[in-house]
Each structure stands twice: as C-alpha cells, then as structure tokens.
Amino acid sequence: MAANDWLSHYGPDGSTVASRAEAAGYTGWIYLAENLYRGYYGDPADSIIQAWSDSATHLSSMLSGQATEIGVACAVSGDYRWCVQEFGAR
C-alpha cells in the first residue's frame, strides 16, 4: 500500500482482504477483518490505536471475540506511516 500510495481494503488490482490473506498463505480462515491507517511518520503508536478505537467499525475488529490470531505491520514512505492490523481465526 505504501509503495503504491493507496489505502483501501480493495486493491487497485481488484484484490480483497481475503484474496491477499490467502495469497500470503493464510488459508482455511473462518473469520477475517482488517484495519488500515495512514498518518504522519511522527504519529505515536497510541494515537494510531486511538484513531482505530474512535471508529466503531475498527474497534469492533480489535475487540472481536471471533479473532484468535492477529498480524500487525507498519511501513514508512515519505512523510507517512502506513499501518495494517489483520485479524483472523482458523
């Protein structure tokens, strides 16, 4: 996402959260959710979590009782930090 400067659950190539997870080897899932963030490089981690928490949809993903696994990644590109949380259950 950072390399291509896009922020969406749907890729410019038509990919989806599910298709990207499966392409990365995360198969057999029964639950899958994704939170995305793009902000300035200097944003502290707690402000990123707060931004997700301020959104009912994102907070629901973080607190989901269905998720048993999580993956988190951040990348920096230019002045921006891009972060992704992936929640799943298999």
C-alpha atoms as a PDB file:
ATOM      1  CA  MET A   1       0.000   0.000   0.000  1.00  0.00           C
ATOM      2  CA  ALA A   2       2.747   2.443   0.929  1.00  0.00           C
ATOM      3  CA  ALA A   3       4.736   1.674  -2.210  1.00  0.00           C
ATOM      4  CA  ASN A   4       1.700   2.330  -4.410  1.00  0.00           C
ATOM      5  CA  ASP A   5       0.203   5.176  -2.345  1.00  0.00           C
ATOM      6  CA  TRP A   6      -3.247   3.664  -1.894  1.00  0.00           C
ATOM      7  CA  LEU A   7      -5.231   2.993   1.258  1.00  0.00           C
ATOM      8  CA  SER A   8      -8.220   0.739   0.806  1.00  0.00           C
ATOM      9  CA  HIS A   9      -9.494  -2.702   1.677  1.00  0.00           C
ATOM     10  CA  TYR A  10      -9.741  -3.206  -2.095  1.00  0.00           C
ATOM     11  CA  GLY A  11      -6.547  -3.175  -4.135  1.00  0.00           C
ATOM     12  CA  PRO A  12      -6.128  -1.334  -7.429  1.00  0.00           C
ATOM     13  CA  ASP A  13      -5.586  -4.795  -8.929  1.00  0.00           C
ATOM     14  CA  GLY A  14      -9.012  -5.969  -7.698  1.00  0.00           C
ATOM     15  CA  SER A  15      -7.605  -7.811  -4.691  1.00  0.00           C
ATOM     16  CA  THR A  16      -9.554  -8.049  -1.443  1.00  0.00           C
ATOM     17  CA  VAL A  17      -8.619  -8.624   2.189  1.00  0.00           C
ATOM     18  CA  ALA A  18      -9.424 -12.309   1.703  1.00  0.00           C
ATOM     19  CA  SER A  19      -7.510 -12.734  -1.550  1.00  0.00           C
ATOM     20  CA  ARG A  20      -4.409 -11.005  -0.151  1.00  0.00           C
ATOM     21  CA  ALA A  21      -4.515 -13.061   3.055  1.00  0.00           C
ATOM     22  CA  GLU A  22      -4.789 -16.289   1.085  1.00  0.00           C
ATOM     23  CA  ALA A  23      -2.027 -15.234  -1.328  1.00  0.00           C
ATOM     24  CA  ALA A  24       0.194 -14.703   1.738  1.00  0.00           C
ATOM     25  CA  GLY A  25      -0.560 -18.261   2.908  1.00  0.00           C
ATOM     26  CA  TYR A  26      -3.317 -17.524   5.438  1.00  0.00           C
ATOM     27  CA  THR A  27      -5.823 -20.159   4.357  1.00  0.00           C
ATOM     28  CA  GLY A  28      -8.629 -22.061   5.998  1.00  0.00           C
ATOM     29  CA  TRP A  29      -9.847 -18.980   7.818  1.00  0.00           C
ATOM     30  CA  ILE A  30     -13.355 -18.675   9.242  1.00  0.00           C
ATOM     31  CA  TYR A  31     -13.029 -15.047  10.341  1.00  0.00           C
ATOM     32  CA  LEU A  32     -11.080 -12.215   8.748  1.00  0.00           C
ATOM     33  CA  ALA A  33     -11.032  -8.453   9.396  1.00  0.00           C
ATOM     34  CA  GLU A  34      -8.646  -5.628   8.574  1.00  0.00           C
ATOM     35  CA  ASN A  35      -7.884  -2.182   9.992  1.00  0.00           C
ATOM     36  CA  LEU A  36      -5.865   0.322   7.960  1.00  0.00           C
ATOM     37  CA  TYR A  37      -4.156   3.553   8.951  1.00  0.00           C
ATOM     38  CA  ARG A  38      -2.189   6.233   7.173  1.00  0.00           C
ATOM     39  CA  GLY A  39      -0.838   9.212   9.079  1.00  0.00           C
ATOM     40  CA  TYR A  40       2.261  11.289   9.534  1.00  0.00           C
ATOM     41  CA  TYR A  41       5.515   9.494  10.267  1.00  0.00           C
ATOM     42  CA  GLY A  42       5.799  11.105  13.711  1.00  0.00           C
ATOM     43  CA  ASP A  43       2.381   9.932  14.933  1.00  0.00           C
ATOM     44  CA  PRO A  44       2.939   7.931  18.138  1.00  0.00           C
ATOM     45  CA  ALA A  45       1.571   4.387  18.344  1.00  0.00           C
ATOM     46  CA  ASP A  46      -1.000   5.316  20.978  1.00  0.00           C
ATOM     47  CA  SER A  47      -2.540   7.892  18.648  1.00  0.00           C
ATOM     48  CA  ILE A  48      -2.882   5.255  15.935  1.00  0.00           C
ATOM     49  CA  ILE A  49      -4.649   2.894  18.338  1.00  0.00           C
ATOM     50  CA  GLN A  50      -6.831   5.803  19.492  1.00  0.00           C
ATOM     51  CA  ALA A  51      -7.809   6.594  15.910  1.00  0.00           C
ATOM     52  CA  TRP A  52      -8.913   2.993  15.385  1.00  0.00           C
ATOM     53  CA  SER A  53     -10.688   2.981  18.761  1.00  0.00           C
ATOM     54  CA  ASP A  54     -12.632   6.131  17.846  1.00  0.00           C
ATOM     55  CA  SER A  55     -14.243   4.250  14.961  1.00  0.00           C
ATOM     56  CA  ALA A  56     -16.969   1.772  15.913  1.00  0.00           C
ATOM     57  CA  THR A  57     -16.107  -0.489  12.966  1.00  0.00           C
ATOM     58  CA  HIS A  58     -12.379  -0.567  13.693  1.00  0.00           C
ATOM     59  CA  LEU A  59     -12.913  -1.001  17.416  1.00  0.00           C
ATOM     60  CA  SER A  60     -15.253  -3.905  16.702  1.00  0.00           C
ATOM     61  CA  SER A  61     -12.460  -5.630  14.773  1.00  0.00           C
ATOM     62  CA  MET A  62      -9.980  -5.071  17.612  1.00  0.00           C
ATOM     63  CA  LEU A  63     -12.369  -6.384  20.258  1.00  0.00           C
ATOM     64  CA  SER A  64     -13.884  -9.198  18.232  1.00  0.00           C
ATOM     65  CA  GLY A  65     -14.315 -12.401  20.168  1.00  0.00           C
ATOM     66  CA  GLN A  66     -14.093 -14.266  16.866  1.00  0.00           C
ATOM     67  CA  ALA A  67     -10.458 -13.361  16.182  1.00  0.00           C
ATOM     68  CA  THR A  68      -7.872 -15.759  17.571  1.00  0.00           C
ATOM     69  CA  GLU A  69      -4.874 -14.514  15.572  1.00  0.00           C
ATOM     70  CA  ILE A  70      -3.527 -11.086  14.656  1.00  0.00           C
ATOM     71  CA  GLY A  71      -0.887  -9.693  12.357  1.00  0.00           C
ATOM     72  CA  VAL A  72       0.303  -6.091  12.566  1.00  0.00           C
ATOM     73  CA  ALA A  73       2.678  -4.213  10.293  1.00  0.00           C
ATOM     74  CA  CYS A  74       3.742  -0.629   9.692  1.00  0.00           C
ATOM     75  CA  ALA A  75       5.784   0.878   6.891  1.00  0.00           C
ATOM     76  CA  VAL A  76       7.130   4.368   6.296  1.00  0.00           C
ATOM     77  CA  SER A  77       7.005   6.021   2.904  1.00  0.00           C
ATOM     78  CA  GLY A  78       7.922   9.670   2.572  1.00  0.00           C
ATOM     79  CA  ASP A  79       6.296  11.624   5.383  1.00  0.00           C
ATOM     80  CA  TYR A  80       3.689   8.934   6.063  1.00  0.00           C
ATOM     81  CA  ARG A  81       3.369   5.863   8.224  1.00  0.00           C
ATOM     82  CA  TRP A  82       1.094   3.107   6.947  1.00  0.00           C
ATOM     83  CA  CYS A  83      -0.200   0.516   9.412  1.00  0.00           C
ATOM     84  CA  VAL A  84      -2.320  -2.580   8.982  1.00  0.00           C
ATOM     85  CA  GLN A  85      -3.943  -4.874  11.512  1.00  0.00           C
ATOM     86  CA  GLU A  86      -5.185  -8.238  10.240  1.00  0.00           C
ATOM     87  CA  PHE A  87      -7.469 -10.287  12.477  1.00  0.00           C
ATOM     88  CA  GLY A  88      -8.352 -13.880  11.775  1.00  0.00           C
ATOM     89  CA  ALA A  89      -9.416 -17.261  13.035  1.00  0.00           C
ATOM     90  CA  ARG A  90      -8.827 -20.687  11.505  1.00  0.00           C
END
